[in-house]
Structure formats: C-alpha cells, structure tokens
Amino acid sequence: MALMMNRFGGKGLYILDEPEAALSPQRQLAVLCRIHDLIDDDSQFLIATHSPILMAYPDAWIYSCSQAGLSRVEYKKTEHYQITHDFLANPERMLQRLFERDG
C-alpha cells in the first residue's frame, strides 16, 4: 500500500502480481481508489489477482488462464467471483458441502 501511495505516479505502466496479498478487504478497496486516481492520471495497470474486489474495477478487461488457453471473461463469470458470492450468500450451506464425507 505504501508503495502505491508514495512511489506510483501518473502516466505510468504498472505490472502487479497479487497486490491484494496480506491486505484486508478494506485495504483492497483503498487500493482500488488509488488505482482509479492513477488511471485518471493516464496510468495503466496489468494485474494478476485472485481478488474479486480488485477484479470489480469498472471496465476492467479480465482474462482467465486455463488449460484451454487465455480467454477474456466477464467479472461475474469468474470462478473467484462465483465462489465468493456463493459463500457470502450462504456460508452454512457452503461449509456443509465442504465438510461432507462420502461413504
């Protein structure tokens, strides 16, 4: 976070690998605000992330890497969004499914 606030300036190209690591959801929202400010100042970002919070940036192009290759995907169709959404919508059900034992 300190790096983004103190070292990143406008008109930059920033390539980040999981900048959400060790950040709370609230801090991830702060990162989104900083990214937005920098984009308004002609910066661009390429971010590898698992964070549905960071992926939610408006008009972001999201790509999925799979065995089939690289493909563009809509935010709500990403695996990370769907799992987080399903968990938050009904954590008890998700935990029950996780802890079930066959046979």
Protein backbone atom coordinates (compact mmCIF):
# COMPACT_ATOMS: atom_id res chain seq x y z
CA MET A 1 0.00 0.00 0.00
CA ALA A 2 2.82 2.38 0.87
CA LEU A 3 4.41 1.66 -2.49
CA MET A 4 1.23 2.59 -4.35
CA MET A 5 0.73 5.75 -2.32
CA ASN A 6 4.30 7.02 -2.33
CA ARG A 7 6.04 5.66 -5.40
CA PHE A 8 3.39 5.29 -8.07
CA GLY A 9 2.70 8.42 -10.11
CA GLY A 10 0.69 9.37 -13.14
CA LYS A 11 1.50 8.39 -16.70
CA GLY A 12 2.92 5.05 -15.57
CA LEU A 13 2.59 1.45 -16.58
CA TYR A 14 2.30 -0.81 -13.54
CA ILE A 15 2.52 -4.59 -13.62
CA LEU A 16 1.41 -6.10 -10.31
CA ASP A 17 1.34 -9.69 -9.09
CA GLU A 18 -1.36 -10.22 -6.48
CA PRO A 19 -1.18 -6.80 -4.84
CA GLU A 20 -4.01 -7.88 -2.52
CA ALA A 21 -1.75 -10.33 -0.68
CA ALA A 22 -1.94 -9.61 3.06
CA LEU A 23 -4.45 -6.79 2.55
CA SER A 24 -7.81 -6.73 4.30
CA PRO A 25 -10.90 -6.17 2.15
CA GLN A 26 -10.98 -2.56 3.36
CA ARG A 27 -7.37 -2.04 2.23
CA GLN A 28 -8.18 -3.66 -1.11
CA LEU A 29 -10.88 -1.03 -1.56
CA ALA A 30 -8.28 1.64 -0.79
CA VAL A 31 -6.04 0.10 -3.45
CA LEU A 32 -8.94 0.38 -5.92
CA CYS A 33 -9.26 4.08 -5.11
CA ARG A 34 -5.54 4.62 -5.68
CA ILE A 35 -5.64 2.68 -8.95
CA HIS A 36 -8.58 4.82 -10.05
CA ASP A 37 -6.71 8.04 -9.24
CA LEU A 38 -3.69 6.84 -11.22
CA ILE A 39 -5.82 5.77 -14.19
CA ASP A 40 -7.35 9.26 -14.19
CA ASP A 41 -3.75 10.49 -14.47
CA ASP A 42 -3.06 8.41 -17.62
CA SER A 43 -1.61 5.32 -15.94
CA GLN A 44 -2.27 1.73 -16.99
CA PHE A 45 -2.29 -1.46 -14.96
CA LEU A 46 -1.72 -5.12 -15.68
CA ILE A 47 -2.65 -7.06 -12.56
CA ALA A 48 -2.53 -10.78 -11.79
CA THR A 49 -5.05 -11.28 -8.98
CA HIS A 50 -7.43 -13.69 -7.32
CA SER A 51 -9.28 -10.85 -5.61
CA PRO A 52 -12.90 -10.38 -6.68
CA ILE A 53 -12.63 -6.91 -5.15
CA LEU A 54 -9.81 -5.82 -7.46
CA MET A 55 -11.40 -7.56 -10.45
CA ALA A 56 -14.51 -5.42 -9.94
CA TYR A 57 -12.79 -2.30 -11.26
CA PRO A 58 -15.20 -0.74 -13.81
CA ASP A 59 -14.45 -1.61 -17.44
CA ALA A 60 -11.52 -3.85 -16.48
CA TRP A 61 -10.60 -6.49 -19.02
CA ILE A 62 -10.39 -9.79 -17.16
CA TYR A 63 -8.60 -12.79 -18.61
CA SER A 64 -8.67 -16.35 -17.36
CA CYS A 65 -5.72 -18.67 -17.79
CA SER A 66 -6.76 -22.31 -18.17
CA GLN A 67 -5.71 -25.48 -19.94
CA ALA A 68 -7.69 -24.21 -22.92
CA GLY A 69 -5.53 -21.08 -23.02
CA LEU A 70 -6.14 -17.42 -22.35
CA SER A 71 -9.68 -16.09 -22.68
CA ARG A 72 -11.49 -12.92 -21.75
CA VAL A 73 -14.22 -13.41 -19.16
CA GLU A 74 -16.96 -11.28 -17.63
CA TYR A 75 -16.48 -10.33 -13.98
CA LYS A 76 -19.48 -12.26 -12.63
CA LYS A 77 -18.43 -15.35 -14.58
CA THR A 78 -15.01 -15.59 -12.95
CA GLU A 79 -14.51 -18.51 -10.62
CA HIS A 80 -13.31 -16.17 -7.85
CA TYR A 81 -16.45 -14.05 -8.02
CA GLN A 82 -18.75 -17.08 -8.08
CA ILE A 83 -17.12 -18.85 -5.14
CA THR A 84 -17.03 -15.68 -3.03
CA HIS A 85 -20.62 -14.83 -3.92
CA ASP A 86 -21.87 -18.33 -3.12
CA PHE A 87 -20.02 -18.39 0.19
CA LEU A 88 -21.28 -14.98 1.32
CA ALA A 89 -24.84 -15.75 0.21
CA ASN A 90 -25.00 -18.89 2.35
CA PRO A 91 -21.87 -19.73 4.36
CA GLU A 92 -23.58 -22.52 6.29
CA ARG A 93 -24.50 -24.37 3.10
CA MET A 94 -21.02 -23.93 1.65
CA LEU A 95 -19.37 -25.19 4.84
CA GLN A 96 -21.72 -28.16 5.00
CA ARG A 97 -20.80 -29.09 1.42
CA LEU A 98 -17.09 -28.67 2.15
CA PHE A 99 -17.20 -30.87 5.24
CA GLU A 100 -19.38 -33.65 3.83
CA ARG A 101 -17.75 -37.07 3.66
CA ASP A 102 -18.75 -39.67 1.11
CA GLY A 103 -19.15 -43.20 2.48
